[in-house]
Amino acid sequence: MAFLSDDERNEIRKVFEQLRADVKLVYFTDRDSPVFIPGEECATCKDTRLLLEEVAALSDKLHLEIHEFAAGSELAREHGIERIPALVISSDSVKGKVRYFGMPSGYEFSVLLGSIIDASQGTAGLAEETIEALSGISADVHIQVFVTPT
């Protein structure tokens, strides 16, 4: 089942022409299992994986790694992942990483694409004054952004 239409894939390919550096997408998901265990399943993990595979296929600058959350607990801890579905977006062109929890659909899909482009370009579209002010911060900072149409 494809999530993106041909027109959407073509439009995203055009948007991805802005990509400069490679972007690593590390996805943490549930283990695929033919057995359904109530309360133990991740309702959106499979669909999120399929969507990320479609997106990653649209540019040779995107590199998707898929890890089982339970099996990759050390790697998950390294990235600060405590729940799934979870996606880590990183690039050698930026310090730090973006962690995205949940399925990036609807309004959140454009946030995902924007985060990929920002990571690739090494910028976040910040004004020079903001970059200068932020450069004075010497401690690690943890920022959480919640996206909702309401």
C-alpha atoms as a PDB file:
ATOM      1  CA  MET A   1       0.000   0.000   0.000  1.00  0.00           C
ATOM      2  CA  ALA A   2       1.483   3.322  -1.078  1.00  0.00           C
ATOM      3  CA  PHE A   3       0.847   6.353   1.086  1.00  0.00           C
ATOM      4  CA  LEU A   4       2.030   8.898  -1.462  1.00  0.00           C
ATOM      5  CA  SER A   5       0.487   9.440  -4.864  1.00  0.00           C
ATOM      6  CA  ASP A   6       2.648   9.822  -7.961  1.00  0.00           C
ATOM      7  CA  ASP A   7       2.027  13.583  -7.903  1.00  0.00           C
ATOM      8  CA  GLU A   8       3.049  13.810  -4.229  1.00  0.00           C
ATOM      9  CA  ARG A   9       6.216  11.791  -4.839  1.00  0.00           C
ATOM     10  CA  ASN A  10       7.150  14.046  -7.761  1.00  0.00           C
ATOM     11  CA  GLU A  11       6.530  17.166  -5.655  1.00  0.00           C
ATOM     12  CA  ILE A  12       8.630  15.811  -2.779  1.00  0.00           C
ATOM     13  CA  ARG A  13      11.458  14.946  -5.208  1.00  0.00           C
ATOM     14  CA  LYS A  14      11.452  18.596  -6.282  1.00  0.00           C
ATOM     15  CA  VAL A  15      11.554  19.727  -2.643  1.00  0.00           C
ATOM     16  CA  PHE A  16      14.437  17.313  -1.984  1.00  0.00           C
ATOM     17  CA  GLU A  17      16.483  19.016  -4.696  1.00  0.00           C
ATOM     18  CA  GLN A  18      17.326  21.436  -1.843  1.00  0.00           C
ATOM     19  CA  LEU A  19      19.179  18.662   0.024  1.00  0.00           C
ATOM     20  CA  ARG A  20      22.908  19.385   0.283  1.00  0.00           C
ATOM     21  CA  ALA A  21      24.353  16.851   2.718  1.00  0.00           C
ATOM     22  CA  ASP A  22      23.271  13.299   3.402  1.00  0.00           C
ATOM     23  CA  VAL A  23      20.650  12.805   6.108  1.00  0.00           C
ATOM     24  CA  LYS A  24      20.458   9.770   8.351  1.00  0.00           C
ATOM     25  CA  LEU A  25      16.985   8.623   9.374  1.00  0.00           C
ATOM     26  CA  VAL A  26      17.071   6.142  12.261  1.00  0.00           C
ATOM     27  CA  TYR A  27      13.654   4.617  12.850  1.00  0.00           C
ATOM     28  CA  PHE A  28      12.724   2.646  15.968  1.00  0.00           C
ATOM     29  CA  THR A  29       9.734   0.378  15.580  1.00  0.00           C
ATOM     30  CA  ASP A  30       7.934  -2.620  16.951  1.00  0.00           C
ATOM     31  CA  ARG A  31       9.017  -6.107  16.012  1.00  0.00           C
ATOM     32  CA  ASP A  32       7.035  -7.502  13.088  1.00  0.00           C
ATOM     33  CA  SER A  33       5.044 -10.406  14.426  1.00  0.00           C
ATOM     34  CA  PRO A  34       2.242 -12.548  13.047  1.00  0.00           C
ATOM     35  CA  VAL A  35       0.917 -12.848  16.612  1.00  0.00           C
ATOM     36  CA  PHE A  36      -1.334 -10.080  17.924  1.00  0.00           C
ATOM     37  CA  ILE A  37      -0.890  -9.400  21.647  1.00  0.00           C
ATOM     38  CA  PRO A  38      -3.451  -6.890  22.956  1.00  0.00           C
ATOM     39  CA  GLY A  39      -1.800  -3.940  24.653  1.00  0.00           C
ATOM     40  CA  GLU A  40       1.629  -4.836  23.271  1.00  0.00           C
ATOM     41  CA  GLU A  41       1.280  -3.594  19.719  1.00  0.00           C
ATOM     42  CA  CYS A  42       2.305  -0.266  18.238  1.00  0.00           C
ATOM     43  CA  ALA A  43      -0.743   0.919  16.316  1.00  0.00           C
ATOM     44  CA  THR A  44       1.134   3.128  13.837  1.00  0.00           C
ATOM     45  CA  CYS A  45       4.604   1.537  13.647  1.00  0.00           C
ATOM     46  CA  LYS A  46       4.035  -0.459  10.467  1.00  0.00           C
ATOM     47  CA  ASP A  47       2.415   2.426   8.574  1.00  0.00           C
ATOM     48  CA  THR A  48       5.128   4.823   9.765  1.00  0.00           C
ATOM     49  CA  ARG A  49       7.803   2.441   8.514  1.00  0.00           C
ATOM     50  CA  LEU A  50       6.135   2.136   5.102  1.00  0.00           C
ATOM     51  CA  LEU A  51       5.805   5.918   4.823  1.00  0.00           C
ATOM     52  CA  LEU A  52       9.456   6.477   5.785  1.00  0.00           C
ATOM     53  CA  GLU A  53      10.569   3.872   3.252  1.00  0.00           C
ATOM     54  CA  GLU A  54       8.627   5.736   0.556  1.00  0.00           C
ATOM     55  CA  VAL A  55      10.128   9.089   1.565  1.00  0.00           C
ATOM     56  CA  ALA A  56      13.691   7.756   1.818  1.00  0.00           C
ATOM     57  CA  ALA A  57      13.395   6.263  -1.679  1.00  0.00           C
ATOM     58  CA  LEU A  58      12.850   9.742  -3.128  1.00  0.00           C
ATOM     59  CA  SER A  59      16.453  10.903  -2.677  1.00  0.00           C
ATOM     60  CA  ASP A  60      19.839   9.224  -2.664  1.00  0.00           C
ATOM     61  CA  LYS A  61      20.818  11.656   0.113  1.00  0.00           C
ATOM     62  CA  LEU A  62      18.438   9.975   2.561  1.00  0.00           C
ATOM     63  CA  HIS A  63      19.613   6.891   4.433  1.00  0.00           C
ATOM     64  CA  LEU A  64      17.009   4.998   6.441  1.00  0.00           C
ATOM     65  CA  GLU A  65      18.010   2.586   9.197  1.00  0.00           C
ATOM     66  CA  ILE A  66      15.301   0.522  10.861  1.00  0.00           C
ATOM     67  CA  HIS A  67      15.749  -0.908  14.347  1.00  0.00           C
ATOM     68  CA  GLU A  68      13.481  -2.933  16.583  1.00  0.00           C
ATOM     69  CA  PHE A  69      12.899  -0.961  19.756  1.00  0.00           C
ATOM     70  CA  ALA A  70      13.149  -3.873  22.201  1.00  0.00           C
ATOM     71  CA  ALA A  71      16.104  -5.512  20.452  1.00  0.00           C
ATOM     72  CA  GLY A  72      18.002  -2.248  20.023  1.00  0.00           C
ATOM     73  CA  SER A  73      17.654  -0.969  23.551  1.00  0.00           C
ATOM     74  CA  GLU A  74      21.275   0.241  23.796  1.00  0.00           C
ATOM     75  CA  LEU A  75      20.968   2.171  20.547  1.00  0.00           C
ATOM     76  CA  ALA A  76      17.572   3.481  21.640  1.00  0.00           C
ATOM     77  CA  ARG A  77      19.084   4.721  24.929  1.00  0.00           C
ATOM     78  CA  GLU A  78      21.924   6.343  23.007  1.00  0.00           C
ATOM     79  CA  HIS A  79      19.367   8.358  21.028  1.00  0.00           C
ATOM     80  CA  GLY A  80      17.071   9.028  23.992  1.00  0.00           C
ATOM     81  CA  ILE A  81      14.241   6.904  22.607  1.00  0.00           C
ATOM     82  CA  GLU A  82      11.794   5.702  25.244  1.00  0.00           C
ATOM     83  CA  ARG A  83       8.681   5.042  23.142  1.00  0.00           C
ATOM     84  CA  ILE A  84       7.767   4.159  19.582  1.00  0.00           C
ATOM     85  CA  PRO A  85       7.289   4.910  16.798  1.00  0.00           C
ATOM     86  CA  ALA A  86      10.359   7.138  16.942  1.00  0.00           C
ATOM     87  CA  LEU A  87      12.552   8.692  14.279  1.00  0.00           C
ATOM     88  CA  VAL A  88      15.945  10.326  14.730  1.00  0.00           C
ATOM     89  CA  ILE A  89      17.006  12.765  12.011  1.00  0.00           C
ATOM     90  CA  SER A  90      20.685  13.678  11.868  1.00  0.00           C
ATOM     91  CA  SER A  91      23.363  14.866   9.488  1.00  0.00           C
ATOM     92  CA  ASP A  92      27.081  15.509   9.656  1.00  0.00           C
ATOM     93  CA  SER A  93      26.273  19.100   8.676  1.00  0.00           C
ATOM     94  CA  VAL A  94      24.583  19.880  12.031  1.00  0.00           C
ATOM     95  CA  LYS A  95      25.326  19.409  15.701  1.00  0.00           C
ATOM     96  CA  GLY A  96      22.588  17.546  17.496  1.00  0.00           C
ATOM     97  CA  LYS A  97      19.629  15.652  16.169  1.00  0.00           C
ATOM     98  CA  VAL A  98      15.872  15.841  15.871  1.00  0.00           C
ATOM     99  CA  ARG A  99      13.785  13.147  17.510  1.00  0.00           C
ATOM    100  CA  TYR A 100      10.308  12.713  16.141  1.00  0.00           C
ATOM    101  CA  PHE A 101       7.721  10.585  17.965  1.00  0.00           C
ATOM    102  CA  GLY A 102       4.534   9.329  16.332  1.00  0.00           C
ATOM    103  CA  MET A 103       3.467   8.944  12.739  1.00  0.00           C
ATOM    104  CA  PRO A 104       4.298  11.995  10.603  1.00  0.00           C
ATOM    105  CA  SER A 105       0.996  12.303   8.783  1.00  0.00           C
ATOM    106  CA  GLY A 106      -1.282  15.213   8.053  1.00  0.00           C
ATOM    107  CA  TYR A 107       0.217  18.519   9.200  1.00  0.00           C
ATOM    108  CA  GLU A 108       3.137  16.691  10.746  1.00  0.00           C
ATOM    109  CA  PHE A 109       4.293  15.402   7.362  1.00  0.00           C
ATOM    110  CA  SER A 110       5.401  18.880   6.256  1.00  0.00           C
ATOM    111  CA  VAL A 111       7.273  19.230   9.567  1.00  0.00           C
ATOM    112  CA  LEU A 112       9.110  15.985   8.774  1.00  0.00           C
ATOM    113  CA  LEU A 113      10.101  17.205   5.304  1.00  0.00           C
ATOM    114  CA  GLY A 114      11.224  20.560   6.709  1.00  0.00           C
ATOM    115  CA  SER A 115      13.327  18.840   9.383  1.00  0.00           C
ATOM    116  CA  ILE A 116      15.024  16.692   6.752  1.00  0.00           C
ATOM    117  CA  ILE A 117      15.851  19.734   4.632  1.00  0.00           C
ATOM    118  CA  ASP A 118      17.099  21.722   7.645  1.00  0.00           C
ATOM    119  CA  ALA A 119      19.367  18.844   8.707  1.00  0.00           C
ATOM    120  CA  SER A 120      20.754  18.535   5.188  1.00  0.00           C
ATOM    121  CA  GLN A 121      21.394  22.257   4.813  1.00  0.00           C
ATOM    122  CA  GLY A 122      22.822  22.665   8.300  1.00  0.00           C
ATOM    123  CA  THR A 123      20.392  25.433   9.111  1.00  0.00           C
ATOM    124  CA  ALA A 124      17.056  25.939  10.718  1.00  0.00           C
ATOM    125  CA  GLY A 125      16.186  29.151   8.901  1.00  0.00           C
ATOM    126  CA  LEU A 126      17.161  31.240  11.915  1.00  0.00           C
ATOM    127  CA  ALA A 127      18.014  34.916  11.713  1.00  0.00           C
ATOM    128  CA  GLU A 128      21.700  35.799  12.101  1.00  0.00           C
ATOM    129  CA  GLU A 129      20.948  37.570  15.400  1.00  0.00           C
ATOM    130  CA  THR A 130      19.327  34.403  16.770  1.00  0.00           C
ATOM    131  CA  ILE A 131      22.266  32.243  15.712  1.00  0.00           C
ATOM    132  CA  GLU A 132      24.639  34.685  17.396  1.00  0.00           C
ATOM    133  CA  ALA A 133      22.597  34.674  20.619  1.00  0.00           C
ATOM    134  CA  LEU A 134      22.423  30.873  20.639  1.00  0.00           C
ATOM    135  CA  SER A 135      26.168  30.529  20.078  1.00  0.00           C
ATOM    136  CA  GLY A 136      26.700  31.883  23.612  1.00  0.00           C
ATOM    137  CA  ILE A 137      24.943  28.898  25.197  1.00  0.00           C
ATOM    138  CA  SER A 138      27.547  26.527  26.596  1.00  0.00           C
ATOM    139  CA  ALA A 139      25.288  23.865  28.135  1.00  0.00           C
ATOM    140  CA  ASP A 140      23.279  21.197  26.346  1.00  0.00           C
ATOM    141  CA  VAL A 141      19.679  22.237  25.739  1.00  0.00           C
ATOM    142  CA  HIS A 142      16.689  19.923  25.400  1.00  0.00           C
ATOM    143  CA  ILE A 143      13.865  21.479  23.378  1.00  0.00           C
ATOM    144  CA  GLN A 144      10.509  19.802  22.847  1.00  0.00           C
ATOM    145  CA  VAL A 145       8.122  20.943  20.125  1.00  0.00           C
ATOM    146  CA  PHE A 146       4.594  19.584  19.949  1.00  0.00           C
ATOM    147  CA  VAL A 147       2.781  19.780  16.626  1.00  0.00           C
ATOM    148  CA  THR A 148      -0.991  19.804  16.482  1.00  0.00           C
ATOM    149  CA  PRO A 149      -3.509  21.486  14.186  1.00  0.00           C
ATOM    150  CA  THR A 150      -5.414  22.766  17.225  1.00  0.00           C
END
